[in-house]
């Protein structure tokens, strides 16, 4: 049970990192990269918070790799993370939820079920 809790925490930390980074970069235009733009990115609290969550996710994932086969856990964590990211980006970042995204989630969910119950 503890291993599953760690997987869930790693997934949540990764999804939060993605959402925070996206939120922080929404107002930064990097079409033309300049020293000022690089400094704006480096000084963004969103970027630093996102990196911290990525760090937590990475450390937890290292632990996960000691407990599961990588060929089993990687597809599951990445696909569930993608589904969670889609859901929360629609809810919190007002991103579009399209038919193709829905079909993609169905395909991913099918793959998770096949891998998880082999």
N, C-alpha and C. Protein backbone atom coordinates (compact mmCIF):
# COMPACT_ATOMS: atom_id res chain seq x y z
N UNK A 1 0.83 -1.20 0.00
CA UNK A 1 0.00 0.00 0.00
C UNK A 1 0.87 1.26 0.00
N UNK A 2 1.97 1.21 0.75
CA UNK A 2 2.86 2.37 0.82
C UNK A 2 3.43 2.71 -0.55
N UNK A 3 3.74 1.67 -1.34
CA UNK A 3 4.29 1.89 -2.69
C UNK A 3 3.28 2.62 -3.56
N UNK A 4 2.02 2.27 -3.45
CA UNK A 4 0.97 2.91 -4.25
C UNK A 4 0.82 4.37 -3.83
N UNK A 5 0.91 4.65 -2.55
CA UNK A 5 0.82 6.03 -2.07
C UNK A 5 1.97 6.86 -2.63
N UNK A 6 3.16 6.29 -2.68
CA UNK A 6 4.31 7.00 -3.25
C UNK A 6 4.10 7.26 -4.74
N UNK A 7 3.55 6.29 -5.45
CA UNK A 7 3.25 6.49 -6.88
C UNK A 7 2.25 7.63 -7.06
N UNK A 8 1.22 7.65 -6.26
CA UNK A 8 0.21 8.72 -6.35
C UNK A 8 0.84 10.07 -6.03
N UNK A 9 1.68 10.14 -5.01
CA UNK A 9 2.35 11.40 -4.66
C UNK A 9 3.27 11.87 -5.78
N UNK A 10 4.00 10.94 -6.40
CA UNK A 10 4.88 11.29 -7.50
C UNK A 10 4.07 11.82 -8.68
N UNK A 11 2.97 11.16 -8.98
CA UNK A 11 2.10 11.61 -10.06
C UNK A 11 1.55 13.00 -9.79
N UNK A 12 1.07 13.21 -8.59
CA UNK A 12 0.51 14.51 -8.22
C UNK A 12 1.57 15.61 -8.29
N UNK A 13 2.76 15.33 -7.79
CA UNK A 13 3.83 16.33 -7.84
C UNK A 13 4.19 16.67 -9.28
N UNK A 14 4.21 15.67 -10.16
CA UNK A 14 4.53 15.91 -11.55
C UNK A 14 3.45 16.74 -12.24
N UNK A 15 2.19 16.42 -11.98
CA UNK A 15 1.08 17.16 -12.59
C UNK A 15 1.06 18.60 -12.07
N UNK A 16 1.26 18.78 -10.78
CA UNK A 16 1.29 20.14 -10.21
C UNK A 16 2.44 20.94 -10.82
N UNK A 17 3.60 20.30 -11.00
CA UNK A 17 4.74 20.98 -11.61
C UNK A 17 4.38 21.47 -13.00
N UNK A 18 3.76 20.62 -13.80
CA UNK A 18 3.37 20.99 -15.16
C UNK A 18 2.39 22.16 -15.16
N UNK A 19 1.39 22.09 -14.29
CA UNK A 19 0.38 23.14 -14.23
C UNK A 19 0.97 24.47 -13.79
N UNK A 20 1.83 24.43 -12.78
CA UNK A 20 2.45 25.66 -12.29
C UNK A 20 3.36 26.27 -13.36
N UNK A 21 4.15 25.44 -14.02
CA UNK A 21 5.02 25.96 -15.07
C UNK A 21 4.20 26.57 -16.21
N UNK A 22 3.13 25.90 -16.61
CA UNK A 22 2.28 26.45 -17.67
C UNK A 22 1.68 27.78 -17.25
N UNK A 23 1.19 27.85 -16.02
CA UNK A 23 0.60 29.09 -15.51
C UNK A 23 1.64 30.21 -15.51
N UNK A 24 2.83 29.90 -15.10
CA UNK A 24 3.89 30.91 -15.06
C UNK A 24 4.34 31.37 -16.43
N UNK A 25 4.27 30.50 -17.41
CA UNK A 25 4.76 30.84 -18.74
C UNK A 25 3.67 31.42 -19.65
N UNK A 26 2.44 31.45 -19.19
CA UNK A 26 1.35 31.95 -20.02
C UNK A 26 1.52 33.42 -20.40
N UNK A 27 2.14 34.20 -19.55
CA UNK A 27 2.28 35.63 -19.80
C UNK A 27 3.67 36.03 -20.26
N UNK A 28 4.51 35.05 -20.52
CA UNK A 28 5.87 35.35 -20.98
C UNK A 28 5.97 34.97 -22.45
N UNK A 29 6.27 35.94 -23.27
CA UNK A 29 6.38 35.72 -24.71
C UNK A 29 7.84 35.46 -25.06
N UNK A 30 8.11 34.25 -25.51
CA UNK A 30 9.48 33.88 -25.85
C UNK A 30 9.69 33.77 -27.37
N UNK A 31 8.86 34.49 -28.15
CA UNK A 31 9.06 34.48 -29.60
C UNK A 31 10.44 35.02 -29.95
N UNK A 32 10.84 36.05 -29.23
CA UNK A 32 12.18 36.61 -29.38
C UNK A 32 12.87 36.47 -28.03
N UNK A 33 13.93 35.69 -28.01
CA UNK A 33 14.64 35.45 -26.75
C UNK A 33 15.68 36.54 -26.56
N UNK A 34 15.61 37.14 -25.39
CA UNK A 34 16.58 38.19 -25.04
C UNK A 34 17.03 37.95 -23.60
N UNK A 35 18.05 38.67 -23.20
CA UNK A 35 18.54 38.55 -21.83
C UNK A 35 17.43 38.90 -20.85
N UNK A 36 16.66 39.92 -21.15
CA UNK A 36 15.56 40.35 -20.27
C UNK A 36 14.51 39.24 -20.13
N UNK A 37 14.21 38.56 -21.23
CA UNK A 37 13.22 37.47 -21.18
C UNK A 37 13.75 36.29 -20.37
N UNK A 38 15.03 35.98 -20.56
CA UNK A 38 15.64 34.89 -19.78
C UNK A 38 15.59 35.23 -18.30
N UNK A 39 15.90 36.48 -17.96
CA UNK A 39 15.85 36.90 -16.56
C UNK A 39 14.42 36.86 -16.01
N UNK A 40 13.45 37.18 -16.86
CA UNK A 40 12.05 37.11 -16.44
C UNK A 40 11.66 35.67 -16.10
N UNK A 41 12.11 34.74 -16.93
CA UNK A 41 11.82 33.32 -16.67
C UNK A 41 12.53 32.86 -15.40
N UNK A 42 13.81 33.20 -15.29
CA UNK A 42 14.61 32.78 -14.13
C UNK A 42 14.07 33.35 -12.83
N UNK A 43 13.53 34.55 -12.88
CA UNK A 43 13.05 35.19 -11.65
C UNK A 43 11.58 34.88 -11.34
N UNK A 44 10.94 34.07 -12.16
CA UNK A 44 9.53 33.74 -11.95
C UNK A 44 9.36 32.77 -10.79
N UNK A 45 8.52 33.12 -9.86
CA UNK A 45 8.22 32.22 -8.74
C UNK A 45 7.51 30.96 -9.22
N UNK A 46 6.71 31.11 -10.27
CA UNK A 46 6.05 29.93 -10.83
C UNK A 46 7.07 28.92 -11.34
N UNK A 47 8.09 29.41 -12.02
CA UNK A 47 9.11 28.52 -12.55
C UNK A 47 9.83 27.81 -11.41
N UNK A 48 10.20 28.53 -10.38
CA UNK A 48 10.90 27.92 -9.25
C UNK A 48 10.00 26.93 -8.51
N UNK A 49 8.73 27.28 -8.34
CA UNK A 49 7.81 26.35 -7.68
C UNK A 49 7.64 25.09 -8.53
N UNK A 50 7.51 25.26 -9.84
CA UNK A 50 7.39 24.11 -10.73
C UNK A 50 8.62 23.22 -10.66
N UNK A 51 9.80 23.83 -10.63
CA UNK A 51 11.03 23.05 -10.53
C UNK A 51 11.10 22.29 -9.21
N UNK A 52 10.64 22.91 -8.14
CA UNK A 52 10.63 22.22 -6.84
C UNK A 52 9.71 21.01 -6.87
N UNK A 53 8.52 21.17 -7.46
CA UNK A 53 7.61 20.03 -7.57
C UNK A 53 8.20 18.95 -8.47
N UNK A 54 8.89 19.35 -9.54
CA UNK A 54 9.57 18.37 -10.38
C UNK A 54 10.63 17.62 -9.58
N UNK A 55 11.34 18.33 -8.73
CA UNK A 55 12.35 17.70 -7.90
C UNK A 55 11.75 16.66 -6.98
N UNK A 56 10.64 17.00 -6.35
CA UNK A 56 9.95 16.05 -5.47
C UNK A 56 9.48 14.84 -6.28
N UNK A 57 8.90 15.10 -7.42
CA UNK A 57 8.44 14.02 -8.29
C UNK A 57 9.60 13.11 -8.69
N UNK A 58 10.73 13.69 -9.04
CA UNK A 58 11.90 12.92 -9.45
C UNK A 58 12.42 12.03 -8.32
N UNK A 59 12.52 12.57 -7.14
CA UNK A 59 13.01 11.81 -5.98
C UNK A 59 12.05 10.65 -5.67
N UNK A 60 10.76 10.92 -5.71
CA UNK A 60 9.78 9.86 -5.47
C UNK A 60 9.85 8.80 -6.57
N UNK A 61 10.06 9.24 -7.80
CA UNK A 61 10.14 8.29 -8.91
C UNK A 61 11.37 7.39 -8.79
N UNK A 62 12.46 7.94 -8.29
CA UNK A 62 13.65 7.10 -8.05
C UNK A 62 13.32 5.98 -7.06
N UNK A 63 12.57 6.31 -6.02
CA UNK A 63 12.14 5.29 -5.06
C UNK A 63 11.24 4.26 -5.75
N UNK A 64 10.31 4.75 -6.57
CA UNK A 64 9.38 3.87 -7.27
C UNK A 64 10.14 2.86 -8.14
N UNK A 65 11.21 3.32 -8.77
CA UNK A 65 11.99 2.43 -9.64
C UNK A 65 12.66 1.29 -8.86
N UNK A 66 12.84 1.46 -7.57
CA UNK A 66 13.40 0.38 -6.76
C UNK A 66 12.35 -0.65 -6.38
N UNK A 67 11.08 -0.32 -6.56
CA UNK A 67 10.00 -1.20 -6.11
C UNK A 67 9.22 -1.86 -7.24
N UNK A 68 9.29 -1.30 -8.46
CA UNK A 68 8.54 -1.84 -9.59
C UNK A 68 9.46 -2.03 -10.78
N UNK A 69 9.06 -2.92 -11.68
CA UNK A 69 9.77 -3.05 -12.94
C UNK A 69 9.49 -1.80 -13.77
N UNK A 70 10.51 -1.25 -14.40
CA UNK A 70 10.34 -0.02 -15.16
C UNK A 70 9.39 -0.23 -16.34
N UNK A 71 9.40 -1.40 -16.95
CA UNK A 71 8.52 -1.67 -18.08
C UNK A 71 7.05 -1.73 -17.65
N UNK A 72 6.82 -1.91 -16.37
CA UNK A 72 5.46 -1.94 -15.82
C UNK A 72 5.05 -0.55 -15.34
N UNK A 73 5.88 0.10 -14.55
CA UNK A 73 5.48 1.33 -13.87
C UNK A 73 5.55 2.57 -14.76
N UNK A 74 6.51 2.63 -15.67
CA UNK A 74 6.64 3.83 -16.51
C UNK A 74 5.39 4.08 -17.36
N UNK A 75 4.90 3.09 -18.10
CA UNK A 75 3.69 3.36 -18.90
C UNK A 75 2.50 3.76 -18.04
N UNK A 76 2.38 3.14 -16.89
CA UNK A 76 1.25 3.46 -16.01
C UNK A 76 1.36 4.88 -15.48
N UNK A 77 2.52 5.25 -14.95
CA UNK A 77 2.66 6.59 -14.38
C UNK A 77 2.55 7.68 -15.45
N UNK A 78 3.14 7.46 -16.60
CA UNK A 78 3.09 8.48 -17.65
C UNK A 78 1.67 8.64 -18.20
N UNK A 79 0.98 7.55 -18.39
CA UNK A 79 -0.36 7.64 -18.95
C UNK A 79 -1.36 8.21 -17.95
N UNK A 80 -1.28 7.78 -16.71
CA UNK A 80 -2.17 8.36 -15.69
C UNK A 80 -1.84 9.84 -15.50
N UNK A 81 -0.56 10.17 -15.52
CA UNK A 81 -0.16 11.57 -15.41
C UNK A 81 -0.72 12.40 -16.55
N UNK A 82 -0.72 11.86 -17.76
CA UNK A 82 -1.26 12.56 -18.91
C UNK A 82 -2.76 12.79 -18.75
N UNK A 83 -3.47 11.79 -18.29
CA UNK A 83 -4.91 11.93 -18.07
C UNK A 83 -5.19 12.98 -17.00
N UNK A 84 -4.47 12.91 -15.88
CA UNK A 84 -4.66 13.90 -14.81
C UNK A 84 -4.33 15.31 -15.30
N UNK A 85 -3.27 15.42 -16.06
CA UNK A 85 -2.87 16.72 -16.59
C UNK A 85 -3.94 17.29 -17.51
N UNK A 86 -4.52 16.46 -18.35
CA UNK A 86 -5.59 16.91 -19.23
C UNK A 86 -6.78 17.41 -18.41
N UNK A 87 -7.18 16.64 -17.43
CA UNK A 87 -8.33 17.02 -16.61
C UNK A 87 -8.08 18.35 -15.89
N UNK A 88 -6.93 18.45 -15.22
CA UNK A 88 -6.67 19.65 -14.44
C UNK A 88 -6.33 20.87 -15.29
N UNK A 89 -5.78 20.66 -16.47
CA UNK A 89 -5.53 21.81 -17.34
C UNK A 89 -6.84 22.37 -17.88
N UNK A 90 -7.81 21.51 -18.10
CA UNK A 90 -9.13 21.98 -18.51
C UNK A 90 -9.80 22.73 -17.36
N UNK A 91 -9.69 22.18 -16.14
CA UNK A 91 -10.35 22.79 -14.98
C UNK A 91 -9.70 24.09 -14.52
N UNK A 92 -8.37 24.12 -14.47
CA UNK A 92 -7.68 25.25 -13.86
C UNK A 92 -7.06 26.23 -14.85
N UNK A 93 -6.77 25.78 -16.06
CA UNK A 93 -6.13 26.67 -17.03
C UNK A 93 -7.04 27.00 -18.21
N UNK A 94 -8.28 26.51 -18.13
CA UNK A 94 -9.28 26.77 -19.17
C UNK A 94 -8.82 26.32 -20.55
N UNK A 95 -8.09 25.22 -20.61
CA UNK A 95 -7.68 24.67 -21.90
C UNK A 95 -8.84 23.87 -22.49
N UNK A 96 -8.82 23.71 -23.80
CA UNK A 96 -9.93 23.06 -24.49
C UNK A 96 -9.92 21.54 -24.26
N UNK A 97 -11.10 20.99 -24.12
CA UNK A 97 -11.28 19.54 -24.07
C UNK A 97 -12.00 19.14 -25.34
N UNK A 98 -11.29 18.52 -26.25
CA UNK A 98 -11.83 18.20 -27.57
C UNK A 98 -12.16 16.72 -27.69
N UNK A 99 -12.85 16.40 -28.77
CA UNK A 99 -13.19 15.01 -29.04
C UNK A 99 -11.93 14.18 -29.21
N UNK A 100 -10.94 14.71 -29.89
CA UNK A 100 -9.70 13.94 -30.09
C UNK A 100 -8.98 13.70 -28.77
N UNK A 101 -9.02 14.65 -27.87
CA UNK A 101 -8.41 14.44 -26.54
C UNK A 101 -9.18 13.36 -25.78
N UNK A 102 -10.52 13.40 -25.88
CA UNK A 102 -11.35 12.39 -25.23
C UNK A 102 -11.03 11.00 -25.77
N UNK A 103 -10.93 10.87 -27.09
CA UNK A 103 -10.59 9.58 -27.69
C UNK A 103 -9.20 9.13 -27.26
N UNK A 104 -8.27 10.07 -27.17
CA UNK A 104 -6.93 9.74 -26.70
C UNK A 104 -6.94 9.20 -25.29
N UNK A 105 -7.74 9.83 -24.42
CA UNK A 105 -7.86 9.37 -23.03
C UNK A 105 -8.44 7.96 -23.00
N UNK A 106 -9.41 7.68 -23.85
CA UNK A 106 -9.98 6.33 -23.90
C UNK A 106 -8.93 5.31 -24.31
N UNK A 107 -8.13 5.64 -25.31
CA UNK A 107 -7.07 4.72 -25.74
C UNK A 107 -6.03 4.52 -24.65
N UNK A 108 -5.64 5.60 -24.00
CA UNK A 108 -4.65 5.51 -22.92
C UNK A 108 -5.21 4.67 -21.77
N UNK A 109 -6.46 4.89 -21.42
CA UNK A 109 -7.07 4.14 -20.33
C UNK A 109 -7.11 2.65 -20.66
N UNK A 110 -7.39 2.32 -21.90
CA UNK A 110 -7.38 0.93 -22.32
C UNK A 110 -5.99 0.32 -22.15
N UNK A 111 -4.98 1.08 -22.54
CA UNK A 111 -3.60 0.61 -22.39
C UNK A 111 -3.22 0.40 -20.94
N UNK A 112 -3.66 1.32 -20.07
CA UNK A 112 -3.37 1.18 -18.64
C UNK A 112 -3.97 -0.10 -18.10
N UNK A 113 -5.21 -0.36 -18.47
CA UNK A 113 -5.89 -1.55 -17.99
C UNK A 113 -5.17 -2.82 -18.47
N UNK A 114 -4.75 -2.82 -19.73
CA UNK A 114 -4.05 -3.99 -20.28
C UNK A 114 -2.74 -4.22 -19.54
N UNK A 115 -1.97 -3.15 -19.30
CA UNK A 115 -0.69 -3.28 -18.63
C UNK A 115 -0.85 -3.65 -17.16
N UNK A 116 -1.80 -2.99 -16.48
CA UNK A 116 -1.96 -3.19 -15.04
C UNK A 116 -2.44 -4.59 -14.69
N UNK A 117 -3.21 -5.20 -15.55
CA UNK A 117 -3.78 -6.50 -15.22
C UNK A 117 -3.17 -7.64 -16.02
N UNK A 118 -1.91 -7.49 -16.41
CA UNK A 118 -1.26 -8.58 -17.16
C UNK A 118 -0.83 -9.71 -16.24
